[in-house]
Amino acid sequence: MHVHVSHPDGEAKFWLKPEVELATQAGNVSRYGLWLLVGDEELFLPFEQFPWFRDASIEKISLVERPTADHL
């Protein structure tokens, strides 16, 4: 869950869970995990459950593939 805040000087995105946190410039990565848009659904992948993403570069994370409808 997140919220967008608009201001004449720009826009910011804040994650609301697991705690309120300003989104990074990478957009969908926080210190707790990453958000992935799959179709029209946003999924949160916590580093606690998906540790291999913790040290991955943004470039690597952006290369997520969907080989079948229920696998990433």
C-alpha atoms as a PDB file:
ATOM      1  CA  MET A   1       0.000   0.000   0.000  1.00  0.00           C
ATOM      2  CA  HIS A   2       1.340   3.434  -0.882  1.00  0.00           C
ATOM      3  CA  VAL A   3       0.264   7.009  -1.377  1.00  0.00           C
ATOM      4  CA  HIS A   4       1.320   9.658  -3.905  1.00  0.00           C
ATOM      5  CA  VAL A   5       1.706  13.231  -2.676  1.00  0.00           C
ATOM      6  CA  SER A   6       1.569  16.052  -5.220  1.00  0.00           C
ATOM      7  CA  HIS A   7       2.956  19.543  -4.738  1.00  0.00           C
ATOM      8  CA  PRO A   8       3.718  22.353  -7.205  1.00  0.00           C
ATOM      9  CA  ASP A   9       7.435  21.514  -6.756  1.00  0.00           C
ATOM     10  CA  GLY A  10       7.036  17.825  -7.543  1.00  0.00           C
ATOM     11  CA  GLU A  11       5.598  14.510  -6.463  1.00  0.00           C
ATOM     12  CA  ALA A  12       6.643  11.893  -3.901  1.00  0.00           C
ATOM     13  CA  LYS A  13       5.596   8.322  -3.218  1.00  0.00           C
ATOM     14  CA  PHE A  14       5.379   6.951   0.335  1.00  0.00           C
ATOM     15  CA  TRP A  15       5.039   3.306   1.303  1.00  0.00           C
ATOM     16  CA  LEU A  16       2.551   2.798   4.139  1.00  0.00           C
ATOM     17  CA  LYS A  17       3.448  -0.797   5.018  1.00  0.00           C
ATOM     18  CA  PRO A  18       5.332  -2.266   6.792  1.00  0.00           C
ATOM     19  CA  GLU A  19       5.908   1.312   7.992  1.00  0.00           C
ATOM     20  CA  VAL A  20       5.688   4.784   6.450  1.00  0.00           C
ATOM     21  CA  GLU A  21       8.767   5.320   4.278  1.00  0.00           C
ATOM     22  CA  LEU A  22       9.644   7.556   1.334  1.00  0.00           C
ATOM     23  CA  ALA A  23      10.076   5.480  -1.820  1.00  0.00           C
ATOM     24  CA  THR A  24      13.581   5.485  -3.281  1.00  0.00           C
ATOM     25  CA  GLN A  25      14.434   6.965  -6.646  1.00  0.00           C
ATOM     26  CA  ALA A  26      14.389   3.391  -7.893  1.00  0.00           C
ATOM     27  CA  GLY A  27      10.679   3.685  -7.215  1.00  0.00           C
ATOM     28  CA  ASN A  28       9.663   0.306  -5.955  1.00  0.00           C
ATOM     29  CA  VAL A  29      12.430  -0.765  -3.578  1.00  0.00           C
ATOM     30  CA  SER A  30      12.564  -0.090   0.148  1.00  0.00           C
ATOM     31  CA  ARG A  31      14.842  -1.380   2.881  1.00  0.00           C
ATOM     32  CA  TYR A  32      12.228  -4.078   3.580  1.00  0.00           C
ATOM     33  CA  GLY A  33      11.674  -5.433   0.082  1.00  0.00           C
ATOM     34  CA  LEU A  34      10.431  -4.547  -3.351  1.00  0.00           C
ATOM     35  CA  TRP A  35       7.100  -4.000  -5.046  1.00  0.00           C
ATOM     36  CA  LEU A  36       6.426  -5.679  -8.332  1.00  0.00           C
ATOM     37  CA  LEU A  37       3.561  -4.831 -10.678  1.00  0.00           C
ATOM     38  CA  VAL A  38       2.132  -8.035 -12.137  1.00  0.00           C
ATOM     39  CA  GLY A  39      -0.733  -7.310 -14.496  1.00  0.00           C
ATOM     40  CA  ASP A  40      -2.861  -4.847 -12.543  1.00  0.00           C
ATOM     41  CA  GLU A  41      -1.786  -6.115  -9.106  1.00  0.00           C
ATOM     42  CA  GLU A  42       1.107  -4.800  -6.989  1.00  0.00           C
ATOM     43  CA  LEU A  43       2.898  -7.543  -5.054  1.00  0.00           C
ATOM     44  CA  PHE A  44       5.288  -6.904  -2.153  1.00  0.00           C
ATOM     45  CA  LEU A  45       8.298  -9.244  -2.023  1.00  0.00           C
ATOM     46  CA  PRO A  46       9.873  -8.871   1.432  1.00  0.00           C
ATOM     47  CA  PHE A  47      13.633  -9.438   1.581  1.00  0.00           C
ATOM     48  CA  GLU A  48      12.983 -11.603   4.628  1.00  0.00           C
ATOM     49  CA  GLN A  49      11.226 -14.136   2.378  1.00  0.00           C
ATOM     50  CA  PHE A  50      13.120 -13.370  -0.846  1.00  0.00           C
ATOM     51  CA  PRO A  51      16.705 -12.683   0.342  1.00  0.00           C
ATOM     52  CA  TRP A  52      18.260 -13.093  -3.108  1.00  0.00           C
ATOM     53  CA  PHE A  53      16.757  -9.715  -4.108  1.00  0.00           C
ATOM     54  CA  ARG A  54      18.343  -7.822  -1.178  1.00  0.00           C
ATOM     55  CA  ASP A  55      21.739  -7.287  -2.830  1.00  0.00           C
ATOM     56  CA  ALA A  56      20.578  -7.376  -6.449  1.00  0.00           C
ATOM     57  CA  SER A  57      21.076  -4.264  -8.530  1.00  0.00           C
ATOM     58  CA  ILE A  58      18.057  -2.305  -9.760  1.00  0.00           C
ATOM     59  CA  GLU A  59      19.038  -3.421 -13.257  1.00  0.00           C
ATOM     60  CA  LYS A  60      18.805  -7.097 -12.243  1.00  0.00           C
ATOM     61  CA  ILE A  61      15.546  -6.617 -10.346  1.00  0.00           C
ATOM     62  CA  SER A  62      13.984  -4.954 -13.380  1.00  0.00           C
ATOM     63  CA  LEU A  63      14.612  -8.103 -15.438  1.00  0.00           C
ATOM     64  CA  VAL A  64      11.988 -10.223 -13.647  1.00  0.00           C
ATOM     65  CA  GLU A  65      10.345 -12.572 -16.144  1.00  0.00           C
ATOM     66  CA  ARG A  66       7.016 -14.380 -16.044  1.00  0.00           C
ATOM     67  CA  PRO A  67       7.543 -17.775 -17.744  1.00  0.00           C
ATOM     68  CA  THR A  68       4.034 -18.970 -16.833  1.00  0.00           C
ATOM     69  CA  ALA A  69       0.919 -17.336 -15.389  1.00  0.00           C
ATOM     70  CA  ASP A  70       1.716 -18.379 -11.804  1.00  0.00           C
ATOM     71  CA  HIS A  71       5.526 -18.119 -11.763  1.00  0.00           C
ATOM     72  CA  LEU A  72       7.971 -15.207 -11.737  1.00  0.00           C
END
